[in-house]
Each structure stands twice: as C-alpha cells, then as structure tokens.
N, C-alpha and C. Protein backbone atom coordinates (compact mmCIF):
# COMPACT_ATOMS: atom_id res chain seq x y z
N MET A 1 112.24 99.38 128.59
CA MET A 1 110.95 99.78 128.06
C MET A 1 109.86 99.16 128.94
N ASP A 2 108.93 99.98 129.44
CA ASP A 2 107.87 99.43 130.29
C ASP A 2 106.75 98.83 129.44
N THR A 3 105.80 98.22 130.11
CA THR A 3 104.71 97.50 129.43
C THR A 3 103.91 98.41 128.52
N LYS A 4 103.59 99.61 129.00
CA LYS A 4 102.81 100.57 128.21
C LYS A 4 103.56 100.97 126.94
N GLU A 5 104.85 101.27 127.09
CA GLU A 5 105.67 101.65 125.93
C GLU A 5 105.77 100.49 124.93
N THR A 6 105.94 99.29 125.46
CA THR A 6 106.01 98.10 124.60
C THR A 6 104.72 97.95 123.80
N GLY A 7 103.59 98.07 124.49
CA GLY A 7 102.30 97.95 123.82
C GLY A 7 102.08 99.03 122.78
N ASN A 8 102.41 100.26 123.10
CA ASN A 8 102.24 101.37 122.15
C ASN A 8 103.11 101.18 120.92
N ARG A 9 104.36 100.78 121.13
CA ARG A 9 105.26 100.56 119.99
C ARG A 9 104.75 99.43 119.11
N ALA A 10 104.31 98.35 119.74
CA ALA A 10 103.80 97.20 118.98
C ALA A 10 102.55 97.58 118.19
N GLU A 11 101.64 98.36 118.81
CA GLU A 11 100.43 98.76 118.10
C GLU A 11 100.75 99.65 116.90
N LYS A 12 101.73 100.54 117.05
CA LYS A 12 102.13 101.39 115.91
C LYS A 12 102.70 100.53 114.79
N LEU A 13 103.55 99.58 115.13
CA LEU A 13 104.10 98.68 114.12
C LEU A 13 103.00 97.86 113.45
N ALA A 14 102.04 97.41 114.25
CA ALA A 14 100.92 96.63 113.71
C ALA A 14 100.08 97.47 112.74
N VAL A 15 99.80 98.72 113.11
CA VAL A 15 99.04 99.61 112.22
C VAL A 15 99.78 99.80 110.90
N ASP A 16 101.07 100.08 110.97
CA ASP A 16 101.86 100.27 109.74
C ASP A 16 101.85 99.00 108.89
N TYR A 17 102.01 97.86 109.53
CA TYR A 17 101.99 96.57 108.83
C TYR A 17 100.65 96.37 108.12
N LEU A 18 99.55 96.59 108.86
CA LEU A 18 98.22 96.39 108.29
C LEU A 18 97.95 97.34 107.13
N LYS A 19 98.36 98.59 107.28
CA LYS A 19 98.19 99.56 106.18
C LYS A 19 98.93 99.10 104.93
N ASN A 20 100.12 98.54 105.10
CA ASN A 20 100.88 98.02 103.96
C ASN A 20 100.18 96.85 103.30
N LYS A 21 99.35 96.14 104.07
CA LYS A 21 98.58 95.01 103.54
C LYS A 21 97.20 95.43 103.04
N LYS A 22 97.00 96.74 102.90
CA LYS A 22 95.76 97.32 102.36
C LYS A 22 94.57 97.25 103.30
N TYR A 23 94.83 97.21 104.61
CA TYR A 23 93.77 97.32 105.60
C TYR A 23 93.50 98.80 105.83
N LYS A 24 92.24 99.14 106.05
CA LYS A 24 91.87 100.50 106.40
C LYS A 24 91.62 100.52 107.91
N ILE A 25 92.31 101.39 108.61
CA ILE A 25 92.17 101.47 110.06
C ILE A 25 90.94 102.31 110.38
N ILE A 26 90.01 101.72 111.12
CA ILE A 26 88.77 102.40 111.51
C ILE A 26 88.95 103.06 112.87
N GLY A 27 89.65 102.37 113.77
CA GLY A 27 89.85 102.93 115.11
C GLY A 27 90.88 102.14 115.88
N LYS A 28 91.35 102.74 116.98
CA LYS A 28 92.33 102.09 117.85
C LYS A 28 91.89 102.25 119.29
N ASN A 29 92.20 101.24 120.10
CA ASN A 29 91.92 101.27 121.54
C ASN A 29 90.47 101.64 121.84
N LEU A 30 89.56 100.90 121.23
CA LEU A 30 88.13 101.14 121.42
C LEU A 30 87.65 100.40 122.66
N SER A 31 87.11 101.15 123.61
CA SER A 31 86.70 100.57 124.89
C SER A 31 85.23 100.19 124.91
N PHE A 32 84.97 99.03 125.48
CA PHE A 32 83.63 98.55 125.75
C PHE A 32 83.59 98.20 127.23
N SER A 33 82.42 97.98 127.77
CA SER A 33 82.31 97.68 129.19
C SER A 33 83.03 96.38 129.57
N PHE A 34 83.21 95.50 128.61
CA PHE A 34 83.80 94.18 128.90
C PHE A 34 85.12 93.94 128.19
N GLY A 35 85.73 94.99 127.64
CA GLY A 35 87.01 94.78 126.98
C GLY A 35 87.37 95.91 126.04
N GLU A 36 88.50 95.75 125.39
CA GLU A 36 89.02 96.76 124.48
C GLU A 36 89.46 96.11 123.18
N ILE A 37 89.22 96.81 122.10
CA ILE A 37 89.71 96.38 120.79
C ILE A 37 90.97 97.20 120.51
N ASP A 38 92.09 96.50 120.30
CA ASP A 38 93.35 97.20 120.05
C ASP A 38 93.27 97.99 118.74
N ILE A 39 92.88 97.29 117.67
CA ILE A 39 92.75 97.93 116.35
C ILE A 39 91.48 97.39 115.70
N LEU A 40 90.68 98.30 115.16
CA LEU A 40 89.53 97.91 114.35
C LEU A 40 89.84 98.35 112.93
N ALA A 41 89.72 97.41 112.01
CA ALA A 41 90.09 97.70 110.62
C ALA A 41 89.05 97.09 109.68
N SER A 42 89.15 97.51 108.43
CA SER A 42 88.37 96.84 107.39
C SER A 42 89.36 96.33 106.35
N HIS A 43 89.03 95.17 105.80
CA HIS A 43 89.87 94.57 104.77
C HIS A 43 88.94 93.86 103.80
N LYS A 44 88.98 94.33 102.56
CA LYS A 44 88.03 93.85 101.55
C LYS A 44 86.63 94.09 102.11
N SER A 45 85.82 93.05 102.27
CA SER A 45 84.46 93.26 102.78
C SER A 45 84.33 92.93 104.26
N ASP A 46 85.43 92.60 104.92
CA ASP A 46 85.40 92.21 106.33
C ASP A 46 85.68 93.37 107.28
N ILE A 47 85.07 93.31 108.45
CA ILE A 47 85.44 94.16 109.57
C ILE A 47 86.34 93.29 110.43
N VAL A 48 87.51 93.81 110.79
CA VAL A 48 88.51 92.99 111.46
C VAL A 48 88.84 93.55 112.84
N VAL A 49 88.63 92.72 113.85
CA VAL A 49 89.07 93.02 115.21
C VAL A 49 90.50 92.49 115.29
N VAL A 50 91.45 93.38 115.56
CA VAL A 50 92.85 92.98 115.61
C VAL A 50 93.36 93.05 117.05
N GLU A 51 93.78 91.92 117.55
CA GLU A 51 94.40 91.84 118.87
C GLU A 51 95.91 91.88 118.66
N VAL A 52 96.57 92.84 119.29
CA VAL A 52 98.01 92.99 119.17
C VAL A 52 98.66 92.45 120.45
N LYS A 53 99.59 91.55 120.28
CA LYS A 53 100.35 91.01 121.41
C LYS A 53 101.83 91.20 121.14
N ALA A 54 102.53 91.73 122.13
CA ALA A 54 103.94 92.05 121.95
C ALA A 54 104.79 91.36 123.00
N LYS A 55 106.00 91.06 122.61
CA LYS A 55 107.01 90.54 123.52
C LYS A 55 108.28 91.37 123.31
N SER A 56 108.89 91.78 124.40
CA SER A 56 110.12 92.56 124.29
C SER A 56 111.35 91.68 124.53
N THR A 57 111.11 90.41 124.81
CA THR A 57 112.18 89.45 125.03
C THR A 57 111.77 88.12 124.42
N LYS A 58 112.74 87.29 124.12
CA LYS A 58 112.43 85.98 123.54
C LYS A 58 112.02 84.97 124.61
N GLU A 59 112.16 85.35 125.87
CA GLU A 59 111.78 84.46 126.96
C GLU A 59 110.27 84.31 127.03
N TYR A 60 109.81 83.19 127.50
CA TYR A 60 108.40 82.93 127.79
C TYR A 60 107.52 82.90 126.54
N GLY A 61 108.06 82.52 125.41
CA GLY A 61 107.23 82.31 124.24
C GLY A 61 106.97 83.53 123.38
N GLN A 62 106.04 83.36 122.47
CA GLN A 62 105.67 84.38 121.50
C GLN A 62 104.43 85.14 121.97
N GLY A 63 104.22 86.32 121.43
CA GLY A 63 103.07 87.14 121.81
C GLY A 63 101.74 86.45 121.57
N PHE A 64 101.59 85.79 120.43
CA PHE A 64 100.31 85.17 120.10
C PHE A 64 99.93 84.08 121.10
N GLU A 65 100.91 83.52 121.78
CA GLU A 65 100.62 82.48 122.76
C GLU A 65 99.91 83.02 124.00
N MET A 66 99.88 84.34 124.14
CA MET A 66 99.20 84.96 125.27
C MET A 66 97.69 85.09 125.05
N VAL A 67 97.22 84.75 123.87
CA VAL A 67 95.78 84.80 123.60
C VAL A 67 95.18 83.47 124.03
N ASN A 68 94.91 83.39 125.33
CA ASN A 68 94.41 82.16 125.92
C ASN A 68 92.89 82.03 125.74
N PHE A 69 92.34 80.98 126.31
CA PHE A 69 90.91 80.68 126.21
C PHE A 69 90.06 81.87 126.65
N TYR A 70 90.42 82.49 127.78
CA TYR A 70 89.63 83.60 128.32
C TYR A 70 89.71 84.84 127.43
N LYS A 71 90.90 85.10 126.89
CA LYS A 71 91.05 86.24 125.98
C LYS A 71 90.26 85.98 124.70
N GLN A 72 90.26 84.76 124.22
CA GLN A 72 89.49 84.42 123.02
C GLN A 72 88.00 84.66 123.26
N LYS A 73 87.50 84.26 124.42
CA LYS A 73 86.08 84.48 124.74
C LYS A 73 85.76 85.97 124.75
N LYS A 74 86.65 86.77 125.31
CA LYS A 74 86.45 88.22 125.35
C LYS A 74 86.45 88.81 123.93
N LEU A 75 87.34 88.34 123.10
CA LEU A 75 87.38 88.81 121.71
C LEU A 75 86.11 88.44 120.96
N LEU A 76 85.58 87.24 121.23
CA LEU A 76 84.33 86.83 120.59
C LEU A 76 83.17 87.71 121.05
N LEU A 77 83.15 88.08 122.32
CA LEU A 77 82.11 89.02 122.81
C LEU A 77 82.21 90.37 122.13
N LEU A 78 83.43 90.85 121.96
CA LEU A 78 83.64 92.13 121.27
C LEU A 78 83.17 92.04 119.81
N ALA A 79 83.46 90.93 119.16
CA ALA A 79 83.03 90.74 117.77
C ALA A 79 81.50 90.71 117.68
N LYS A 80 80.85 90.05 118.63
CA LYS A 80 79.38 90.02 118.63
C LYS A 80 78.79 91.41 118.83
N GLU A 81 79.43 92.19 119.67
CA GLU A 81 78.97 93.57 119.89
C GLU A 81 79.12 94.39 118.61
N LEU A 82 80.21 94.19 117.90
CA LEU A 82 80.42 94.91 116.63
C LEU A 82 79.42 94.50 115.57
N GLN A 83 78.97 93.25 115.62
CA GLN A 83 78.00 92.76 114.64
C GLN A 83 76.73 93.60 114.67
N LYS A 84 76.40 94.15 115.84
CA LYS A 84 75.23 95.03 115.96
C LYS A 84 75.43 96.32 115.18
N LYS A 85 76.65 96.83 115.19
CA LYS A 85 76.95 98.08 114.48
C LYS A 85 77.12 97.85 112.98
N TYR A 86 77.63 96.66 112.62
CA TYR A 86 77.87 96.31 111.22
C TYR A 86 77.11 95.03 110.88
N PRO A 87 75.77 95.08 110.85
CA PRO A 87 74.98 93.84 110.71
C PRO A 87 75.19 93.08 109.40
N LYS A 88 75.59 93.76 108.35
CA LYS A 88 75.74 93.08 107.06
C LYS A 88 77.18 92.64 106.79
N ALA A 89 78.09 93.01 107.67
CA ALA A 89 79.51 92.70 107.46
C ALA A 89 79.89 91.37 108.10
N THR A 90 80.92 90.79 107.56
CA THR A 90 81.54 89.63 108.19
C THR A 90 82.57 90.18 109.16
N ILE A 91 82.46 89.76 110.41
CA ILE A 91 83.40 90.19 111.44
C ILE A 91 84.38 89.06 111.66
N ARG A 92 85.66 89.37 111.65
CA ARG A 92 86.65 88.35 111.94
C ARG A 92 87.66 88.89 112.95
N ILE A 93 88.38 87.96 113.57
CA ILE A 93 89.35 88.32 114.59
C ILE A 93 90.73 87.86 114.14
N ASP A 94 91.64 88.81 114.02
CA ASP A 94 93.03 88.53 113.67
C ASP A 94 93.91 88.80 114.89
N ILE A 95 95.04 88.16 114.91
CA ILE A 95 96.06 88.44 115.93
C ILE A 95 97.32 88.89 115.21
N VAL A 96 97.89 89.99 115.68
CA VAL A 96 99.19 90.44 115.19
C VAL A 96 100.15 90.32 116.38
N SER A 97 101.13 89.47 116.22
CA SER A 97 102.13 89.21 117.25
C SER A 97 103.42 89.93 116.86
N VAL A 98 103.94 90.75 117.78
CA VAL A 98 105.13 91.55 117.49
C VAL A 98 106.23 91.15 118.46
N ASN A 99 107.36 90.74 117.91
CA ASN A 99 108.52 90.40 118.72
C ASN A 99 109.51 91.56 118.61
N LEU A 100 109.58 92.35 119.68
CA LEU A 100 110.42 93.54 119.68
C LEU A 100 111.88 93.25 120.01
N SER A 101 112.20 92.00 120.34
CA SER A 101 113.59 91.67 120.67
C SER A 101 114.43 91.46 119.41
N CYS A 102 113.81 91.42 118.27
CA CYS A 102 114.52 91.27 117.00
C CYS A 102 114.77 92.65 116.39
N ASN A 103 115.76 92.73 115.51
CA ASN A 103 116.02 93.98 114.81
C ASN A 103 116.14 93.67 113.33
N PRO A 104 115.16 94.03 112.51
CA PRO A 104 113.93 94.75 112.86
C PRO A 104 112.96 93.83 113.60
N PRO A 105 111.94 94.42 114.25
CA PRO A 105 110.96 93.61 114.96
C PRO A 105 110.28 92.61 114.02
N GLU A 106 110.01 91.44 114.54
CA GLU A 106 109.35 90.39 113.76
C GLU A 106 107.84 90.49 113.99
N ILE A 107 107.09 90.49 112.89
CA ILE A 107 105.63 90.57 112.96
C ILE A 107 105.04 89.31 112.34
N GLN A 108 104.13 88.69 113.09
CA GLN A 108 103.38 87.54 112.59
C GLN A 108 101.91 87.92 112.61
N HIS A 109 101.22 87.62 111.51
CA HIS A 109 99.81 87.97 111.37
C HIS A 109 99.00 86.69 111.20
N PHE A 110 98.09 86.47 112.13
CA PHE A 110 97.22 85.30 112.09
C PHE A 110 95.81 85.75 111.72
N ILE A 111 95.41 85.43 110.50
CA ILE A 111 94.12 85.85 109.97
C ILE A 111 93.03 84.89 110.43
N ASN A 112 91.92 85.46 110.89
CA ASN A 112 90.78 84.67 111.37
C ASN A 112 91.26 83.67 112.44
N ALA A 113 92.02 84.20 113.38
CA ALA A 113 92.69 83.38 114.39
C ALA A 113 91.77 82.86 115.49
N VAL A 114 90.68 83.57 115.73
CA VAL A 114 89.76 83.16 116.78
C VAL A 114 88.38 83.00 116.16
N GLU A 115 87.85 81.81 116.26
CA GLU A 115 86.52 81.53 115.72
C GLU A 115 85.67 80.88 116.79
N GLU A 116 84.36 81.12 116.69
CA GLU A 116 83.44 80.48 117.62
C GLU A 116 83.28 79.03 117.21
N ASN A 117 83.31 78.16 118.18
CA ASN A 117 83.17 76.72 117.89
C ASN A 117 81.73 76.33 117.70
C-alpha cells in the first residue's frame, strides 16, 4: 500500500470513527495557502480541526508521534484562520492516529491535542 492509499484509508476510518462518536463532518482535505485540514468537524458546540496520522507498520512509532513542533504550529495557524469563519465558536485541534498494521486497525483519538501556549 503506498502513502496516498494509506492516508486515504486512514482518513475514511477516522471519519467513520468520528461519526460513531457523534461528530458532524463539515469537510475533508480543505486546502489553505499554508496547509491542509484533513477533517473539519463539529462536536457539541466546538469546531474541530482533525489531523489524521497513519502508520502501516509498527516500526518507527505511532502516527500521533509524527505531529511535531512544526506541524503543531501549522495546525494552530489553520485554527486561527478558521476562527475568522466561525468567530463565536470554540476551535480545537484533535489528532486521530490510525495503526493499519493491526487487524482491525487501531484508532487512538487525542482530544484538544494541540493548544497554544
């Protein structure tokens, strides 16, 4: 499975997982000049930027470990941009980590995983 297929499969699993948790999917793969939002959702009164990270092998750690300092900064910029569109909403950033090497795939959901210091 190539990187694109891995990402697409993980995003589909993440969408299904979030829907089961009563999230409403607003959009997927939303492009901005400085980055992309994998999944945009609403949950209760929050607007949620969801970063999906997938691993197809158990080597080299878990997917969520790939959200480094630079990726966090980019996610915070995306959240600030969304605040303009949803000025009264609370914007939060979640990470959904999908391990595709397990059967069934293992999904970990980190709520409010990236916050501005």
